[in-house]
Amino acid sequence: MRYNDIDVAFDPLMKNITTDSPDLIGVYAPESRVYISVNDTRRKGIETDLGGKFECGFESLVVSDVITFEAKVDGVYTEFWQETVRE
């Protein structure tokens, strides 16, 4: 379940990312590539499946880490979501 203040119309994630649950599961465009970075570190590319689902795990996260989700549009990385670890 997601936090109450998040607008689900634009939210690509299925559950909250926390320090106790550092795995993310989300949905984006089918058969595309999503780029994820934590605190502006190097991006990691993840492929989505036929339904658009993508998964990624993190070694460790701390409260206030910022996870940025981007897609590459016309050769430019474009942010489509940003998540801050709250707990």
N, C-alpha and C. Protein backbone atom coordinates (compact mmCIF):
# COMPACT_ATOMS: atom_id res chain seq x y z
N MET A 1 0.84 -1.18 0.00
CA MET A 1 0.00 0.00 0.00
C MET A 1 0.88 1.24 0.00
N ARG A 2 0.43 2.25 -0.68
CA ARG A 2 1.21 3.48 -0.82
C ARG A 2 0.77 4.51 0.21
N TYR A 3 1.60 5.53 0.39
CA TYR A 3 1.27 6.62 1.32
C TYR A 3 0.03 7.37 0.83
N ASN A 4 -0.76 7.88 1.77
CA ASN A 4 -2.03 8.54 1.45
C ASN A 4 -1.87 9.82 0.63
N ASP A 5 -0.74 10.51 0.74
CA ASP A 5 -0.58 11.78 0.05
C ASP A 5 -0.05 11.64 -1.38
N ILE A 6 0.09 10.43 -1.87
CA ILE A 6 0.61 10.22 -3.23
C ILE A 6 -0.56 10.09 -4.20
N ASP A 7 -0.49 10.83 -5.30
CA ASP A 7 -1.52 10.78 -6.33
C ASP A 7 -1.30 9.52 -7.16
N VAL A 8 -2.16 8.53 -7.00
CA VAL A 8 -1.98 7.25 -7.67
C VAL A 8 -2.10 7.33 -9.19
N ALA A 9 -2.64 8.40 -9.70
CA ALA A 9 -2.76 8.56 -11.15
C ALA A 9 -1.40 8.65 -11.82
N PHE A 10 -0.39 9.14 -11.11
CA PHE A 10 0.94 9.31 -11.69
C PHE A 10 1.99 8.41 -11.05
N ASP A 11 1.61 7.65 -10.06
CA ASP A 11 2.52 6.83 -9.27
C ASP A 11 2.86 5.52 -9.98
N PRO A 12 4.13 5.28 -10.32
CA PRO A 12 4.49 4.03 -10.99
C PRO A 12 4.74 2.88 -10.02
N LEU A 13 4.80 3.15 -8.71
CA LEU A 13 5.16 2.11 -7.75
C LEU A 13 3.95 1.42 -7.15
N MET A 14 4.14 0.15 -6.78
CA MET A 14 3.05 -0.63 -6.21
C MET A 14 3.09 -0.64 -4.69
N LYS A 15 4.26 -0.37 -4.11
CA LYS A 15 4.37 -0.36 -2.65
C LYS A 15 5.44 0.65 -2.24
N ASN A 16 5.42 1.02 -0.97
CA ASN A 16 6.40 1.98 -0.46
C ASN A 16 7.79 1.36 -0.41
N ILE A 17 8.79 2.16 -0.67
CA ILE A 17 10.18 1.74 -0.54
C ILE A 17 10.64 2.23 0.83
N THR A 18 11.07 1.30 1.67
CA THR A 18 11.49 1.66 3.02
C THR A 18 12.86 1.03 3.32
N THR A 19 13.45 1.42 4.44
CA THR A 19 14.73 0.84 4.83
C THR A 19 14.58 -0.66 5.15
N ASP A 20 13.40 -1.06 5.61
CA ASP A 20 13.14 -2.48 5.89
C ASP A 20 12.73 -3.25 4.65
N SER A 21 12.22 -2.57 3.65
CA SER A 21 11.79 -3.20 2.41
C SER A 21 12.38 -2.42 1.22
N PRO A 22 13.68 -2.65 0.94
CA PRO A 22 14.37 -1.86 -0.09
C PRO A 22 14.16 -2.35 -1.52
N ASP A 23 13.18 -3.22 -1.73
CA ASP A 23 12.88 -3.71 -3.07
C ASP A 23 11.75 -2.90 -3.67
N LEU A 24 11.89 -2.56 -4.94
CA LEU A 24 10.81 -1.80 -5.56
C LEU A 24 10.19 -2.60 -6.68
N ILE A 25 8.90 -2.43 -6.83
CA ILE A 25 8.14 -3.03 -7.90
C ILE A 25 7.28 -1.92 -8.48
N GLY A 26 7.35 -1.76 -9.79
CA GLY A 26 6.60 -0.68 -10.41
C GLY A 26 6.10 -1.04 -11.79
N VAL A 27 5.39 -0.11 -12.39
CA VAL A 27 4.85 -0.29 -13.73
C VAL A 27 5.13 0.97 -14.53
N TYR A 28 5.60 0.76 -15.76
CA TYR A 28 5.85 1.86 -16.69
C TYR A 28 5.46 1.33 -18.08
N ALA A 29 5.90 1.97 -19.11
CA ALA A 29 5.55 1.55 -20.47
C ALA A 29 6.04 0.13 -20.75
N PRO A 30 5.19 -0.69 -21.37
CA PRO A 30 5.59 -2.07 -21.69
C PRO A 30 6.83 -2.12 -22.58
N GLU A 31 7.67 -3.11 -22.31
CA GLU A 31 8.88 -3.37 -23.09
C GLU A 31 9.71 -2.11 -23.32
N SER A 32 9.97 -1.40 -22.26
CA SER A 32 10.80 -0.19 -22.33
C SER A 32 11.92 -0.29 -21.31
N ARG A 33 12.66 0.77 -21.16
CA ARG A 33 13.78 0.80 -20.21
C ARG A 33 13.56 1.97 -19.25
N VAL A 34 13.67 1.66 -17.97
CA VAL A 34 13.55 2.65 -16.91
C VAL A 34 14.93 2.81 -16.28
N TYR A 35 15.31 4.05 -15.99
CA TYR A 35 16.61 4.32 -15.36
C TYR A 35 16.37 4.81 -13.94
N ILE A 36 17.08 4.19 -13.01
CA ILE A 36 16.89 4.50 -11.60
C ILE A 36 18.22 4.90 -10.98
N SER A 37 18.18 5.95 -10.15
CA SER A 37 19.39 6.36 -9.42
C SER A 37 18.98 6.76 -8.00
N VAL A 38 19.92 6.60 -7.08
CA VAL A 38 19.70 6.98 -5.69
C VAL A 38 20.63 8.14 -5.37
N ASN A 39 20.05 9.26 -4.94
CA ASN A 39 20.83 10.44 -4.56
C ASN A 39 21.78 10.89 -5.67
N ASP A 40 21.30 10.90 -6.88
CA ASP A 40 22.07 11.35 -8.05
C ASP A 40 23.32 10.52 -8.33
N THR A 41 23.31 9.24 -7.93
CA THR A 41 24.41 8.36 -8.30
C THR A 41 24.21 7.90 -9.74
N ARG A 42 25.10 7.07 -10.21
CA ARG A 42 25.00 6.55 -11.57
C ARG A 42 23.68 5.81 -11.79
N ARG A 43 23.07 6.04 -12.93
CA ARG A 43 21.79 5.41 -13.26
C ARG A 43 21.97 3.92 -13.50
N LYS A 44 20.92 3.18 -13.14
CA LYS A 44 20.86 1.75 -13.42
C LYS A 44 19.68 1.53 -14.34
N GLY A 45 19.89 0.89 -15.48
CA GLY A 45 18.81 0.62 -16.42
C GLY A 45 18.11 -0.68 -16.11
N ILE A 46 16.78 -0.65 -16.17
CA ILE A 46 15.96 -1.84 -15.90
C ILE A 46 14.94 -1.97 -17.02
N GLU A 47 14.82 -3.17 -17.55
CA GLU A 47 13.85 -3.44 -18.61
C GLU A 47 12.48 -3.72 -18.00
N THR A 48 11.43 -3.22 -18.64
CA THR A 48 10.08 -3.57 -18.24
C THR A 48 9.61 -4.77 -19.08
N ASP A 49 8.66 -5.53 -18.56
CA ASP A 49 8.18 -6.69 -19.30
C ASP A 49 7.00 -6.31 -20.20
N LEU A 50 6.34 -7.31 -20.76
CA LEU A 50 5.20 -7.08 -21.67
C LEU A 50 4.09 -6.25 -21.03
N GLY A 51 3.90 -6.38 -19.73
CA GLY A 51 2.87 -5.62 -19.03
C GLY A 51 3.38 -4.32 -18.47
N GLY A 52 4.68 -4.04 -18.61
CA GLY A 52 5.27 -2.81 -18.11
C GLY A 52 5.87 -2.92 -16.72
N LYS A 53 5.83 -4.11 -16.13
CA LYS A 53 6.33 -4.29 -14.77
C LYS A 53 7.86 -4.27 -14.73
N PHE A 54 8.39 -3.63 -13.70
CA PHE A 54 9.83 -3.66 -13.47
C PHE A 54 10.10 -3.87 -11.99
N GLU A 55 11.25 -4.47 -11.69
CA GLU A 55 11.64 -4.74 -10.30
C GLU A 55 13.11 -4.41 -10.12
N CYS A 56 13.44 -3.98 -8.92
CA CYS A 56 14.82 -3.63 -8.60
C CYS A 56 14.99 -3.69 -7.08
N GLY A 57 16.14 -4.14 -6.64
CA GLY A 57 16.42 -4.16 -5.21
C GLY A 57 17.64 -3.30 -4.92
N PHE A 58 17.70 -2.78 -3.73
CA PHE A 58 18.82 -1.94 -3.30
C PHE A 58 19.55 -2.63 -2.16
N GLU A 59 20.87 -2.47 -2.12
CA GLU A 59 21.67 -3.04 -1.03
C GLU A 59 21.21 -2.49 0.31
N SER A 60 21.15 -1.18 0.40
CA SER A 60 20.70 -0.55 1.63
C SER A 60 20.21 0.86 1.32
N LEU A 61 19.25 1.29 2.09
CA LEU A 61 18.71 2.63 1.96
C LEU A 61 18.62 3.24 3.35
N VAL A 62 18.67 4.56 3.41
CA VAL A 62 18.46 5.26 4.67
C VAL A 62 17.33 6.26 4.47
N VAL A 63 16.71 6.65 5.58
CA VAL A 63 15.63 7.63 5.51
C VAL A 63 16.17 8.90 4.88
N SER A 64 15.45 9.48 3.99
CA SER A 64 15.73 10.69 3.21
C SER A 64 16.51 10.43 1.92
N ASP A 65 16.86 9.18 1.62
CA ASP A 65 17.42 8.89 0.30
C ASP A 65 16.38 9.25 -0.76
N VAL A 66 16.84 9.78 -1.87
CA VAL A 66 15.94 10.15 -2.97
C VAL A 66 16.20 9.23 -4.15
N ILE A 67 15.16 8.54 -4.59
CA ILE A 67 15.25 7.63 -5.72
C ILE A 67 14.57 8.30 -6.90
N THR A 68 15.32 8.44 -7.98
CA THR A 68 14.83 9.13 -9.17
C THR A 68 14.58 8.10 -10.28
N PHE A 69 13.43 8.22 -10.93
CA PHE A 69 13.05 7.35 -12.03
C PHE A 69 13.04 8.18 -13.31
N GLU A 70 13.72 7.69 -14.33
CA GLU A 70 13.81 8.42 -15.59
C GLU A 70 13.58 7.48 -16.77
N ALA A 71 13.20 8.08 -17.88
CA ALA A 71 13.12 7.39 -19.16
C ALA A 71 13.94 8.21 -20.14
N LYS A 72 14.45 7.55 -21.16
CA LYS A 72 15.23 8.26 -22.18
C LYS A 72 14.30 8.61 -23.33
N VAL A 73 14.12 9.90 -23.56
CA VAL A 73 13.23 10.39 -24.61
C VAL A 73 14.07 11.23 -25.57
N ASP A 74 14.15 10.79 -26.82
CA ASP A 74 14.95 11.48 -27.84
C ASP A 74 16.39 11.72 -27.36
N GLY A 75 16.97 10.72 -26.70
CA GLY A 75 18.36 10.80 -26.25
C GLY A 75 18.58 11.60 -24.98
N VAL A 76 17.50 12.06 -24.35
CA VAL A 76 17.61 12.87 -23.13
C VAL A 76 16.91 12.13 -21.99
N TYR A 77 17.57 12.05 -20.84
CA TYR A 77 16.96 11.43 -19.66
C TYR A 77 15.89 12.37 -19.11
N THR A 78 14.67 11.86 -19.00
CA THR A 78 13.54 12.65 -18.53
C THR A 78 12.97 12.02 -17.27
N GLU A 79 12.95 12.78 -16.19
CA GLU A 79 12.43 12.27 -14.92
C GLU A 79 10.91 12.15 -14.99
N PHE A 80 10.40 10.99 -14.56
CA PHE A 80 8.94 10.84 -14.49
C PHE A 80 8.45 10.56 -13.08
N TRP A 81 9.36 10.29 -12.13
CA TRP A 81 8.95 10.10 -10.75
C TRP A 81 10.15 10.26 -9.84
N GLN A 82 9.88 10.73 -8.63
CA GLN A 82 10.92 10.83 -7.60
C GLN A 82 10.31 10.37 -6.29
N GLU A 83 11.00 9.50 -5.61
CA GLU A 83 10.50 8.94 -4.35
C GLU A 83 11.53 9.18 -3.26
N THR A 84 11.09 9.68 -2.11
CA THR A 84 11.96 9.87 -0.96
C THR A 84 11.66 8.78 0.06
N VAL A 85 12.71 8.12 0.54
CA VAL A 85 12.53 7.07 1.55
C VAL A 85 12.10 7.77 2.84
N ARG A 86 10.93 7.41 3.36
CA ARG A 86 10.36 8.07 4.52
C ARG A 86 10.53 7.30 5.82
N GLU A 87 10.72 5.99 5.71
CA GLU A 87 10.83 5.20 6.93
C GLU A 87 11.77 4.04 6.73
